[in-house]
C-alpha atoms as a PDB file:
ATOM      1  CA  UNK A   1       0.082   0.063  -0.055  1.00  0.00           C
ATOM      2  CA  UNK A   2       1.190   3.437  -0.819  1.00  0.00           C
ATOM      3  CA  UNK A   3       0.641   6.395   1.408  1.00  0.00           C
ATOM      4  CA  UNK A   4       0.293   9.907   0.012  1.00  0.00           C
ATOM      5  CA  UNK A   5       0.567  13.110   2.044  1.00  0.00           C
ATOM      6  CA  UNK A   6      -1.189  16.309   0.998  1.00  0.00           C
ATOM      7  CA  UNK A   7      -1.397  19.727   2.496  1.00  0.00           C
ATOM      8  CA  UNK A   8      -4.673  20.466   4.387  1.00  0.00           C
ATOM      9  CA  UNK A   9      -5.439  23.282   1.959  1.00  0.00           C
ATOM     10  CA  UNK A  10      -5.257  20.938  -0.944  1.00  0.00           C
ATOM     11  CA  UNK A  11      -7.432  18.251   0.788  1.00  0.00           C
ATOM     12  CA  UNK A  12     -10.084  20.904   1.633  1.00  0.00           C
ATOM     13  CA  UNK A  13     -10.089  22.023  -1.982  1.00  0.00           C
ATOM     14  CA  UNK A  14     -10.517  18.432  -3.164  1.00  0.00           C
ATOM     15  CA  UNK A  15     -13.335  17.846  -0.673  1.00  0.00           C
ATOM     16  CA  UNK A  16     -15.026  20.956  -1.688  1.00  0.00           C
ATOM     17  CA  UNK A  17     -14.993  19.894  -5.313  1.00  0.00           C
ATOM     18  CA  UNK A  18     -16.203  16.389  -4.590  1.00  0.00           C
ATOM     19  CA  UNK A  19     -19.026  17.819  -2.479  1.00  0.00           C
ATOM     20  CA  UNK A  20     -19.903  20.115  -5.425  1.00  0.00           C
ATOM     21  CA  UNK A  21     -19.970  17.113  -7.809  1.00  0.00           C
ATOM     22  CA  UNK A  22     -22.048  15.011  -5.417  1.00  0.00           C
ATOM     23  CA  UNK A  23     -24.473  17.819  -5.191  1.00  0.00           C
ATOM     24  CA  UNK A  24     -24.745  18.170  -8.969  1.00  0.00           C
ATOM     25  CA  UNK A  25     -25.297  14.409  -9.230  1.00  0.00           C
ATOM     26  CA  UNK A  26     -28.021  14.510  -6.708  1.00  0.00           C
ATOM     27  CA  UNK A  27     -29.702  17.321  -8.583  1.00  0.00           C
ATOM     28  CA  UNK A  28     -29.615  15.513 -11.784  1.00  0.00           C
ATOM     29  CA  UNK A  29     -31.009  12.427 -10.135  1.00  0.00           C
ATOM     30  CA  UNK A  30     -33.765  14.388  -8.639  1.00  0.00           C
ATOM     31  CA  UNK A  31     -34.536  16.188 -11.928  1.00  0.00           C
ATOM     32  CA  UNK A  32     -34.652  12.999 -13.983  1.00  0.00           C
ATOM     33  CA  UNK A  33     -35.680  10.507 -11.322  1.00  0.00           C
ATOM     34  CA  UNK A  34     -39.135  10.071 -12.896  1.00  0.00           C
ATOM     35  CA  UNK A  35     -37.618   8.382 -15.838  1.00  0.00           C
ATOM     36  CA  UNK A  36     -37.849   4.578 -15.334  1.00  0.00           C
ATOM     37  CA  UNK A  37     -35.452   2.150 -17.070  1.00  0.00           C
ATOM     38  CA  UNK A  38     -38.281  -0.468 -17.060  1.00  0.00           C
ATOM     39  CA  UNK A  39     -39.935   1.561 -19.720  1.00  0.00           C
ATOM     40  CA  UNK A  40     -37.077   1.096 -22.096  1.00  0.00           C
ATOM     41  CA  UNK A  41     -36.797  -1.754 -24.536  1.00  0.00           C
ATOM     42  CA  UNK A  42     -33.814  -4.062 -25.181  1.00  0.00           C
ATOM     43  CA  UNK A  43     -32.749  -5.623 -28.486  1.00  0.00           C
ATOM     44  CA  UNK A  44     -34.977  -8.682 -28.286  1.00  0.00           C
ATOM     45  CA  UNK A  45     -38.117  -6.487 -27.479  1.00  0.00           C
ATOM     46  CA  UNK A  46     -37.540  -4.277 -30.448  1.00  0.00           C
ATOM     47  CA  UNK A  47     -36.880  -7.189 -32.940  1.00  0.00           C
ATOM     48  CA  UNK A  48     -40.077  -8.812 -31.765  1.00  0.00           C
ATOM     49  CA  UNK A  49     -42.129  -5.587 -31.956  1.00  0.00           C
ATOM     50  CA  UNK A  50     -40.833  -4.681 -35.387  1.00  0.00           C
ATOM     51  CA  UNK A  51     -40.650  -8.282 -36.803  1.00  0.00           C
ATOM     52  CA  UNK A  52     -37.029  -7.700 -37.797  1.00  0.00           C
ATOM     53  CA  UNK A  53     -33.853  -9.644 -37.362  1.00  0.00           C
ATOM     54  CA  UNK A  54     -31.113  -8.531 -34.979  1.00  0.00           C
ATOM     55  CA  UNK A  55     -28.875  -7.662 -38.082  1.00  0.00           C
ATOM     56  CA  UNK A  56     -31.597  -5.301 -39.453  1.00  0.00           C
ATOM     57  CA  UNK A  57     -31.798  -3.725 -35.941  1.00  0.00           C
ATOM     58  CA  UNK A  58     -28.103  -3.186 -36.022  1.00  0.00           C
ATOM     59  CA  UNK A  59     -28.276  -1.530 -39.463  1.00  0.00           C
ATOM     60  CA  UNK A  60     -31.029   0.785 -38.222  1.00  0.00           C
ATOM     61  CA  UNK A  61     -28.732   1.950 -35.211  1.00  0.00           C
ATOM     62  CA  UNK A  62     -25.635   2.278 -37.464  1.00  0.00           C
ATOM     63  CA  UNK A  63     -27.352   4.447 -40.054  1.00  0.00           C
ATOM     64  CA  UNK A  64     -28.982   6.653 -37.365  1.00  0.00           C
ATOM     65  CA  UNK A  65     -32.564   5.625 -38.142  1.00  0.00           C
ATOM     66  CA  UNK A  66     -33.212   4.389 -34.598  1.00  0.00           C
ATOM     67  CA  UNK A  67     -31.839   6.244 -31.444  1.00  0.00           C
ATOM     68  CA  UNK A  68     -30.486   4.087 -28.699  1.00  0.00           C
ATOM     69  CA  UNK A  69     -28.559   4.135 -25.432  1.00  0.00           C
ATOM     70  CA  UNK A  70     -25.829   1.729 -24.358  1.00  0.00           C
ATOM     71  CA  UNK A  71     -25.148   0.793 -20.745  1.00  0.00           C
ATOM     72  CA  UNK A  72     -22.461  -1.918 -20.093  1.00  0.00           C
ATOM     73  CA  UNK A  73     -22.643  -3.290 -23.599  1.00  0.00           C
ATOM     74  CA  UNK A  74     -26.301  -3.661 -23.366  1.00  0.00           C
ATOM     75  CA  UNK A  75     -28.473  -1.546 -25.842  1.00  0.00           C
ATOM     76  CA  UNK A  76     -31.786   0.166 -24.867  1.00  0.00           C
ATOM     77  CA  UNK A  77     -34.436   1.926 -26.909  1.00  0.00           C
ATOM     78  CA  UNK A  78     -37.169   4.338 -25.827  1.00  0.00           C
ATOM     79  CA  UNK A  79     -40.581   3.049 -26.915  1.00  0.00           C
ATOM     80  CA  UNK A  80     -41.570   6.337 -28.575  1.00  0.00           C
ATOM     81  CA  UNK A  81     -38.403   6.134 -30.831  1.00  0.00           C
ATOM     82  CA  UNK A  82     -39.393   2.611 -31.863  1.00  0.00           C
ATOM     83  CA  UNK A  83     -42.923   3.847 -32.625  1.00  0.00           C
ATOM     84  CA  UNK A  84     -41.484   6.601 -34.780  1.00  0.00           C
ATOM     85  CA  UNK A  85     -39.637   4.198 -37.078  1.00  0.00           C
ATOM     86  CA  UNK A  86     -42.411   1.757 -37.562  1.00  0.00           C
ATOM     87  CA  UNK A  87     -43.409   3.337 -40.906  1.00  0.00           C
ATOM     88  CA  UNK A  88     -39.803   3.263 -42.070  1.00  0.00           C
ATOM     89  CA  UNK A  89     -39.607  -0.464 -41.253  1.00  0.00           C
ATOM     90  CA  UNK A  90     -42.863  -1.141 -43.019  1.00  0.00           C
ATOM     91  CA  UNK A  91     -41.737   0.674 -46.105  1.00  0.00           C
ATOM     92  CA  UNK A  92     -38.528  -1.270 -46.202  1.00  0.00           C
ATOM     93  CA  UNK A  93     -40.499  -4.491 -45.735  1.00  0.00           C
ATOM     94  CA  UNK A  94     -42.703  -3.553 -48.773  1.00  0.00           C
ATOM     95  CA  UNK A  95     -39.607  -2.806 -50.901  1.00  0.00           C
ATOM     96  CA  UNK A  96     -38.023  -6.122 -49.872  1.00  0.00           C
ATOM     97  CA  UNK A  97     -41.192  -7.956 -50.714  1.00  0.00           C
ATOM     98  CA  UNK A  98     -41.380  -6.232 -54.041  1.00  0.00           C
ATOM     99  CA  UNK A  99     -37.808  -7.423 -54.879  1.00  0.00           C
ATOM    100  CA  UNK A 100     -38.692 -10.951 -53.589  1.00  0.00           C
ATOM    101  CA  UNK A 101     -36.718 -10.611 -50.494  1.00  0.00           C
ATOM    102  CA  UNK A 102     -37.647 -10.683 -46.682  1.00  0.00           C
ATOM    103  CA  UNK A 103     -36.357  -8.385 -43.851  1.00  0.00           C
END
């Protein structure tokens, strides 16, 4: 174990900055605390809702069609964003069917 000595003035300044940071985090949590992660959808939910493959979902993310958030290598989607792209997916499905393909 390594021991580091710092001046009391430096320690007080660090403590003050940390307390300021903690207060800002508490404010953010309080302000956005009504947002519930259980409302968000994961990859499987979106694939089932839109009737698309995981690869098609990846393409929708990659080309910016579908907004998403990533937390610890897990991807989440807001239900309202998924509803917005439903017409886009239906159009692509019609185009693919016209060409004899399936998405």
